[in-house]
Amino acid sequence: ITDVSVTFNKLPTSYTCQIHVHASRDL
Protein backbone atom coordinates (compact mmCIF):
# COMPACT_ATOMS: atom_id res chain seq x y z
CA ILE A 1 0.00 0.00 0.00
CA THR A 2 1.40 3.38 -1.02
CA ASP A 3 -0.19 5.51 1.68
CA VAL A 4 -3.25 5.96 3.87
CA SER A 5 -4.80 9.18 5.15
CA VAL A 6 -7.27 9.40 8.03
CA THR A 7 -8.96 12.75 8.59
CA PHE A 8 -11.21 13.63 11.53
CA ASN A 9 -13.47 16.66 11.62
CA LYS A 10 -15.47 18.01 14.54
CA LEU A 11 -18.97 19.18 13.65
CA PRO A 12 -21.42 20.98 15.96
CA THR A 13 -23.08 17.76 17.15
CA SER A 14 -20.94 14.94 15.74
CA TYR A 15 -17.59 13.82 14.34
CA THR A 16 -16.68 12.60 10.88
CA CYS A 17 -13.84 10.30 9.87
CA GLN A 18 -12.65 9.99 6.27
CA ILE A 19 -10.27 7.18 5.32
CA HIS A 20 -8.48 7.12 1.98
CA VAL A 21 -6.31 4.13 1.11
CA HIS A 22 -4.05 4.41 -1.95
CA ALA A 23 -3.73 0.65 -2.43
CA SER A 24 -1.90 0.73 -5.77
CA ARG A 25 -1.43 2.88 -8.86
CA ASP A 26 -4.86 1.93 -10.16
CA LEU A 27 -6.91 1.33 -7.01
PDB file of all heavy atoms in Angstrom:
ATOM      1  N   ILE A   1       0.846  -1.186   0.000  1.00  0.00           N
ATOM      2  CA  ILE A   1       0.000   0.000   0.000  1.00  0.00           C
ATOM      3  C   ILE A   1       0.883   1.239   0.000  1.00  0.00           C
ATOM      4  O   ILE A   1       1.823   1.348   0.796  1.00  0.00           O
ATOM      5  CB  ILE A   1      -0.932   0.006   1.221  1.00  0.00           C
ATOM      6  CG1 ILE A   1      -1.989  -1.102   1.054  1.00  0.00           C
ATOM      7  CG2 ILE A   1      -1.607   1.367   1.397  1.00  0.00           C
ATOM      8  CD1 ILE A   1      -2.947  -1.212   2.206  1.00  0.00           C
ATOM      9  N   THR A   2       0.592   2.175  -0.895  1.00  0.00           N
ATOM     10  CA  THR A   2       1.402   3.382  -1.017  1.00  0.00           C
ATOM     11  C   THR A   2       1.259   4.270   0.212  1.00  0.00           C
ATOM     12  O   THR A   2       2.241   4.604   0.872  1.00  0.00           O
ATOM     13  CB  THR A   2       1.008   4.176  -2.272  1.00  0.00           C
ATOM     14  OG1 THR A   2       1.060   3.303  -3.402  1.00  0.00           O
ATOM     15  CG2 THR A   2       1.934   5.345  -2.502  1.00  0.00           C
ATOM     16  N   ASP A   3       0.033   4.673   0.513  1.00  0.00           N
ATOM     17  CA  ASP A   3      -0.187   5.509   1.682  1.00  0.00           C
ATOM     18  C   ASP A   3      -1.652   5.484   2.086  1.00  0.00           C
ATOM     19  O   ASP A   3      -2.524   5.104   1.298  1.00  0.00           O
ATOM     20  CB  ASP A   3       0.263   6.957   1.424  1.00  0.00           C
ATOM     21  CG  ASP A   3      -0.475   7.586   0.259  1.00  0.00           C
ATOM     22  OD1 ASP A   3      -1.638   7.977   0.439  1.00  0.00           O
ATOM     23  OD2 ASP A   3       0.104   7.673  -0.839  1.00  0.00           O
ATOM     24  N   VAL A   4      -1.894   5.898   3.320  1.00  0.00           N
ATOM     25  CA  VAL A   4      -3.246   5.964   3.874  1.00  0.00           C
ATOM     26  C   VAL A   4      -3.390   7.296   4.597  1.00  0.00           C
ATOM     27  O   VAL A   4      -2.483   7.730   5.304  1.00  0.00           O
ATOM     28  CB  VAL A   4      -3.510   4.820   4.881  1.00  0.00           C
ATOM     29  CG1 VAL A   4      -4.919   4.926   5.459  1.00  0.00           C
ATOM     30  CG2 VAL A   4      -3.295   3.462   4.237  1.00  0.00           C
ATOM     31  N   SER A   5      -4.516   7.958   4.396  1.00  0.00           N
ATOM     32  CA  SER A   5      -4.797   9.180   5.149  1.00  0.00           C
ATOM     33  C   SER A   5      -6.102   9.008   5.917  1.00  0.00           C
ATOM     34  O   SER A   5      -7.073   8.460   5.393  1.00  0.00           O
ATOM     35  CB  SER A   5      -4.878  10.397   4.226  1.00  0.00           C
ATOM     36  OG  SER A   5      -5.997  10.299   3.367  1.00  0.00           O
ATOM     37  N   VAL A   6      -6.092   9.450   7.167  1.00  0.00           N
ATOM     38  CA  VAL A   6      -7.273   9.397   8.031  1.00  0.00           C
ATOM     39  C   VAL A   6      -7.511  10.814   8.540  1.00  0.00           C
ATOM     40  O   VAL A   6      -6.641  11.395   9.188  1.00  0.00           O
ATOM     41  CB  VAL A   6      -7.071   8.438   9.217  1.00  0.00           C
ATOM     42  CG1 VAL A   6      -8.347   8.356  10.055  1.00  0.00           C
ATOM     43  CG2 VAL A   6      -6.668   7.052   8.727  1.00  0.00           C
ATOM     44  N   THR A   7      -8.674  11.364   8.229  1.00  0.00           N
ATOM     45  CA  THR A   7      -8.963  12.752   8.595  1.00  0.00           C
ATOM     46  C   THR A   7     -10.225  12.829   9.457  1.00  0.00           C
ATOM     47  O   THR A   7     -11.288  12.347   9.056  1.00  0.00           O
ATOM     48  CB  THR A   7      -9.155  13.623   7.339  1.00  0.00           C
ATOM     49  OG1 THR A   7      -7.994  13.519   6.513  1.00  0.00           O
ATOM     50  CG2 THR A   7      -9.373  15.078   7.713  1.00  0.00           C
ATOM     51  N   PHE A   8     -10.077  13.434  10.622  1.00  0.00           N
ATOM     52  CA  PHE A   8     -11.205  13.630  11.530  1.00  0.00           C
ATOM     53  C   PHE A   8     -11.631  15.089  11.494  1.00  0.00           C
ATOM     54  O   PHE A   8     -10.806  15.991  11.398  1.00  0.00           O
ATOM     55  CB  PHE A   8     -10.815  13.257  12.965  1.00  0.00           C
ATOM     56  CG  PHE A   8     -10.529  11.799  13.172  1.00  0.00           C
ATOM     57  CD1 PHE A   8      -9.236  11.309  13.050  1.00  0.00           C
ATOM     58  CD2 PHE A   8     -11.554  10.916  13.487  1.00  0.00           C
ATOM     59  CE1 PHE A   8      -8.962   9.969  13.239  1.00  0.00           C
ATOM     60  CE2 PHE A   8     -11.288   9.571  13.683  1.00  0.00           C
ATOM     61  CZ  PHE A   8      -9.993   9.093  13.558  1.00  0.00           C
ATOM     62  N   ASN A   9     -12.936  15.299  11.598  1.00  0.00           N
ATOM     63  CA  ASN A   9     -13.468  16.657  11.620  1.00  0.00           C
ATOM     64  C   ASN A   9     -14.546  16.756  12.693  1.00  0.00           C
ATOM     65  O   ASN A   9     -15.402  15.871  12.804  1.00  0.00           O
ATOM     66  CB  ASN A   9     -14.046  17.035  10.260  1.00  0.00           C
ATOM     67  CG  ASN A   9     -14.362  18.517  10.162  1.00  0.00           C
ATOM     68  OD1 ASN A   9     -13.874  19.324  10.955  1.00  0.00           O
ATOM     69  ND2 ASN A   9     -15.182  18.883   9.198  1.00  0.00           N
ATOM     70  N   LYS A  10     -14.477  17.805  13.489  1.00  0.00           N
ATOM     71  CA  LYS A  10     -15.469  18.012  14.541  1.00  0.00           C
ATOM     72  C   LYS A  10     -16.574  18.913  14.028  1.00  0.00           C
ATOM     73  O   LYS A  10     -16.333  20.050  13.639  1.00  0.00           O
ATOM     74  CB  LYS A  10     -14.811  18.628  15.777  1.00  0.00           C
ATOM     75  CG  LYS A  10     -15.757  18.779  16.954  1.00  0.00           C
ATOM     76  CD  LYS A  10     -15.044  19.340  18.172  1.00  0.00           C
ATOM     77  CE  LYS A  10     -15.995  19.472  19.357  1.00  0.00           C
ATOM     78  NZ  LYS A  10     -15.321  20.025  20.554  1.00  0.00           N
ATOM     79  N   LEU A  11     -17.798  18.409  14.042  1.00  0.00           N
ATOM     80  CA  LEU A  11     -18.970  19.181  13.650  1.00  0.00           C
ATOM     81  C   LEU A  11     -19.703  19.639  14.912  1.00  0.00           C
ATOM     82  O   LEU A  11     -19.353  19.218  16.016  1.00  0.00           O
ATOM     83  CB  LEU A  11     -19.877  18.319  12.767  1.00  0.00           C
ATOM     84  CG  LEU A  11     -19.221  17.746  11.494  1.00  0.00           C
ATOM     85  CD1 LEU A  11     -20.204  16.862  10.759  1.00  0.00           C
ATOM     86  CD2 LEU A  11     -18.702  18.862  10.603  1.00  0.00           C
ATOM     87  N   PRO A  12     -20.718  20.479  14.768  1.00  0.00           N
ATOM     88  CA  PRO A  12     -21.420  20.976  15.964  1.00  0.00           C
ATOM     89  C   PRO A  12     -21.953  19.881  16.883  1.00  0.00           C
ATOM     90  O   PRO A  12     -21.879  20.000  18.111  1.00  0.00           O
ATOM     91  CB  PRO A  12     -22.560  21.805  15.361  1.00  0.00           C
ATOM     92  CG  PRO A  12     -22.013  22.291  14.059  1.00  0.00           C
ATOM     93  CD  PRO A  12     -21.180  21.150  13.552  1.00  0.00           C
ATOM     94  N   THR A  13     -22.478  18.805  16.308  1.00  0.00           N
ATOM     95  CA  THR A  13     -23.078  17.760  17.151  1.00  0.00           C
ATOM     96  C   THR A  13     -22.510  16.367  16.887  1.00  0.00           C
ATOM     97  O   THR A  13     -23.036  15.382  17.406  1.00  0.00           O
ATOM     98  CB  THR A  13     -24.612  17.718  16.938  1.00  0.00           C
ATOM     99  OG1 THR A  13     -24.884  17.448  15.550  1.00  0.00           O
ATOM    100  CG2 THR A  13     -25.244  19.035  17.338  1.00  0.00           C
ATOM    101  N   SER A  14     -21.476  16.269  16.066  1.00  0.00           N
ATOM    102  CA  SER A  14     -20.941  14.943  15.742  1.00  0.00           C
ATOM    103  C   SER A  14     -19.509  15.058  15.237  1.00  0.00           C
ATOM    104  O   SER A  14     -18.952  16.151  15.139  1.00  0.00           O
ATOM    105  CB  SER A  14     -21.813  14.263  14.682  1.00  0.00           C
ATOM    106  OG  SER A  14     -21.804  15.021  13.477  1.00  0.00           O
ATOM    107  N   TYR A  15     -18.927  13.891  14.910  1.00  0.00           N
ATOM    108  CA  TYR A  15     -17.586  13.815  14.343  1.00  0.00           C
ATOM    109  C   TYR A  15     -17.652  13.022  13.043  1.00  0.00           C
ATOM    110  O   TYR A  15     -18.473  12.109  12.906  1.00  0.00           O
ATOM    111  CB  TYR A  15     -16.626  13.100  15.299  1.00  0.00           C
ATOM    112  CG  TYR A  15     -16.389  13.818  16.600  1.00  0.00           C
ATOM    113  CD1 TYR A  15     -17.212  13.588  17.699  1.00  0.00           C
ATOM    114  CD2 TYR A  15     -15.345  14.731  16.732  1.00  0.00           C
ATOM    115  CE1 TYR A  15     -16.998  14.249  18.902  1.00  0.00           C
ATOM    116  CE2 TYR A  15     -15.120  15.394  17.937  1.00  0.00           C
ATOM    117  CZ  TYR A  15     -15.945  15.139  19.015  1.00  0.00           C
ATOM    118  OH  TYR A  15     -15.729  15.793  20.202  1.00  0.00           O
ATOM    119  N   THR A  16     -16.800  13.381  12.100  1.00  0.00           N
ATOM    120  CA  THR A  16     -16.682  12.597  10.876  1.00  0.00           C
ATOM    121  C   THR A  16     -15.263  12.054  10.768  1.00  0.00           C
ATOM    122  O   THR A  16     -14.306  12.671  11.254  1.00  0.00           O
ATOM    123  CB  THR A  16     -16.981  13.426   9.611  1.00  0.00           C
ATOM    124  OG1 THR A  16     -16.009  14.478   9.494  1.00  0.00           O
ATOM    125  CG2 THR A  16     -18.380  14.008   9.660  1.00  0.00           C
ATOM    126  N   CYS A  17     -15.144  10.907  10.128  1.00  0.00           N
ATOM    127  CA  CYS A  17     -13.839  10.299   9.871  1.00  0.00           C
ATOM    128  C   CYS A  17     -13.795   9.859   8.413  1.00  0.00           C
ATOM    129  O   CYS A  17     -14.655   9.086   7.969  1.00  0.00           O
ATOM    130  CB  CYS A  17     -13.618   9.089  10.781  1.00  0.00           C
ATOM    131  SG  CYS A  17     -12.101   8.166  10.407  1.00  0.00           S
ATOM    132  N   GLN A  18     -12.833  10.371   7.671  1.00  0.00           N
ATOM    133  CA  GLN A  18     -12.647   9.985   6.269  1.00  0.00           C
ATOM    134  C   GLN A  18     -11.349   9.198   6.151  1.00  0.00           C
ATOM    135  O   GLN A  18     -10.306   9.651   6.611  1.00  0.00           O
ATOM    136  CB  GLN A  18     -12.583  11.213   5.366  1.00  0.00           C
ATOM    137  CG  GLN A  18     -13.880  11.995   5.308  1.00  0.00           C
ATOM    138  CD  GLN A  18     -13.783  13.201   4.378  1.00  0.00           C
ATOM    139  OE1 GLN A  18     -12.691  13.654   4.044  1.00  0.00           O
ATOM    140  NE2 GLN A  18     -14.927  13.723   3.966  1.00  0.00           N
ATOM    141  N   ILE A  19     -11.445   8.027   5.543  1.00  0.00           N
ATOM    142  CA  ILE A  19     -10.274   7.179   5.324  1.00  0.00           C
ATOM    143  C   ILE A  19     -10.058   7.029   3.832  1.00  0.00           C
ATOM    144  O   ILE A  19     -10.992   6.703   3.089  1.00  0.00           O
ATOM    145  CB  ILE A  19     -10.454   5.787   5.962  1.00  0.00           C
ATOM    146  CG1 ILE A  19     -10.716   5.914   7.464  1.00  0.00           C
ATOM    147  CG2 ILE A  19      -9.218   4.918   5.712  1.00  0.00           C
ATOM    148  CD1 ILE A  19     -11.018   4.583   8.138  1.00  0.00           C
ATOM    149  N   HIS A  20      -8.836   7.280   3.392  1.00  0.00           N
ATOM    150  CA  HIS A  20      -8.482   7.118   1.981  1.00  0.00           C
ATOM    151  C   HIS A  20      -7.247   6.239   1.896  1.00  0.00           C
ATOM    152  O   HIS A  20      -6.195   6.608   2.405  1.00  0.00           O
ATOM    153  CB  HIS A  20      -8.219   8.469   1.315  1.00  0.00           C
ATOM    154  CG  HIS A  20      -7.930   8.345  -0.145  1.00  0.00           C
ATOM    155  ND1 HIS A  20      -6.734   8.694  -0.702  1.00  0.00           N
ATOM    156  CD2 HIS A  20      -8.694   7.885  -1.176  1.00  0.00           C
ATOM    157  CE1 HIS A  20      -6.763   8.466  -2.008  1.00  0.00           C
ATOM    158  NE2 HIS A  20      -7.933   7.974  -2.314  1.00  0.00           N
ATOM    159  N   VAL A  21      -7.401   5.082   1.264  1.00  0.00           N
ATOM    160  CA  VAL A  21      -6.306   4.129   1.110  1.00  0.00           C
ATOM    161  C   VAL A  21      -5.867   4.119  -0.347  1.00  0.00           C
ATOM    162  O   VAL A  21      -6.656   3.797  -1.238  1.00  0.00           O
ATOM    163  CB  VAL A  21      -6.731   2.699   1.524  1.00  0.00           C
ATOM    164  CG1 VAL A  21      -5.562   1.723   1.378  1.00  0.00           C
ATOM    165  CG2 VAL A  21      -7.257   2.692   2.949  1.00  0.00           C
ATOM    166  N   HIS A  22      -4.611   4.478  -0.597  1.00  0.00           N
ATOM    167  CA  HIS A  22      -4.047   4.409  -1.946  1.00  0.00           C
ATOM    168  C   HIS A  22      -3.386   3.037  -2.053  1.00  0.00           C
ATOM    169  O   HIS A  22      -2.204   2.866  -1.756  1.00  0.00           O
ATOM    170  CB  HIS A  22      -3.036   5.527  -2.154  1.00  0.00           C
ATOM    171  CG  HIS A  22      -2.594   5.669  -3.563  1.00  0.00           C
ATOM    172  ND1 HIS A  22      -1.562   6.490  -3.949  1.00  0.00           N
ATOM    173  CD2 HIS A  22      -3.049   5.088  -4.714  1.00  0.00           C
ATOM    174  CE1 HIS A  22      -1.390   6.405  -5.254  1.00  0.00           C
ATOM    175  NE2 HIS A  22      -2.278   5.557  -5.734  1.00  0.00           N
ATOM    176  N   ALA A  23      -4.178   2.044  -2.468  1.00  0.00           N
ATOM    177  CA  ALA A  23      -3.725   0.653  -2.427  1.00  0.00           C
ATOM    178  C   ALA A  23      -2.700   0.328  -3.508  1.00  0.00           C
ATOM    179  O   ALA A  23      -1.816  -0.502  -3.305  1.00  0.00           O
ATOM    180  CB  ALA A  23      -4.922  -0.292  -2.553  1.00  0.00           C
ATOM    181  N   SER A  24      -2.822   0.960  -4.655  1.00  0.00           N
ATOM    182  CA  SER A  24      -1.899   0.728  -5.766  1.00  0.00           C
ATOM    183  C   SER A  24      -2.072   1.854  -6.763  1.00  0.00           C
ATOM    184  O   SER A  24      -2.905   2.756  -6.565  1.00  0.00           O
ATOM    185  CB  SER A  24      -2.170  -0.626  -6.443  1.00  0.00           C
ATOM    186  OG  SER A  24      -3.466  -0.646  -7.020  1.00  0.00           O
ATOM    187  N   ARG A  25      -1.328   1.817  -7.864  1.00  0.00           N
ATOM    188  CA  ARG A  25      -1.434   2.878  -8.862  1.00  0.00           C
ATOM    189  C   ARG A  25      -2.860   3.014  -9.385  1.00  0.00           C
ATOM    190  O   ARG A  25      -3.337   4.119  -9.645  1.00  0.00           O
ATOM    191  CB  ARG A  25      -0.495   2.596 -10.046  1.00  0.00           C
ATOM    192  CG  ARG A  25      -0.506   3.712 -11.098  1.00  0.00           C
ATOM    193  CD  ARG A  25      -0.010   3.235 -12.434  1.00  0.00           C
ATOM    194  NE  ARG A  25      -0.855   2.218 -13.010  1.00  0.00           N
ATOM    195  CZ  ARG A  25      -2.040   2.444 -13.596  1.00  0.00           C
ATOM    196  NH1 ARG A  25      -2.531   3.667 -13.651  1.00  0.00           N
ATOM    197  NH2 ARG A  25      -2.749   1.458 -14.105  1.00  0.00           N
ATOM    198  N   ASP A  26      -3.555   1.899  -9.513  1.00  0.00           N
ATOM    199  CA  ASP A  26      -4.865   1.927 -10.163  1.00  0.00           C
ATOM    200  C   ASP A  26      -6.047   1.705  -9.223  1.00  0.00           C
ATOM    201  O   ASP A  26      -7.177   1.598  -9.675  1.00  0.00           O
ATOM    202  CB  ASP A  26      -4.904   0.862 -11.275  1.00  0.00           C
ATOM    203  CG  ASP A  26      -4.872  -0.557 -10.710  1.00  0.00           C
ATOM    204  OD1 ASP A  26      -4.246  -0.752  -9.651  1.00  0.00           O
ATOM    205  OD2 ASP A  26      -5.468  -1.458 -11.313  1.00  0.00           O
ATOM    206  N   LEU A  27      -5.801   1.637  -7.912  1.00  0.00           N
ATOM    207  CA  LEU A  27      -6.914   1.331  -7.012  1.00  0.00           C
ATOM    208  C   LEU A  27      -6.840   2.141  -5.722  1.00  0.00           C
ATOM    209  O   LEU A  27      -5.846   2.093  -5.005  1.00  0.00           O
ATOM    210  CB  LEU A  27      -6.928  -0.159  -6.664  1.00  0.00           C
ATOM    211  CG  LEU A  27      -8.077  -0.621  -5.753  1.00  0.00           C
ATOM    212  CD1 LEU A  27      -9.424  -0.368  -6.431  1.00  0.00           C
ATOM    213  CD2 LEU A  27      -7.925  -2.098  -5.417  1.00  0.00           C
TER     214      LEU A  27
END
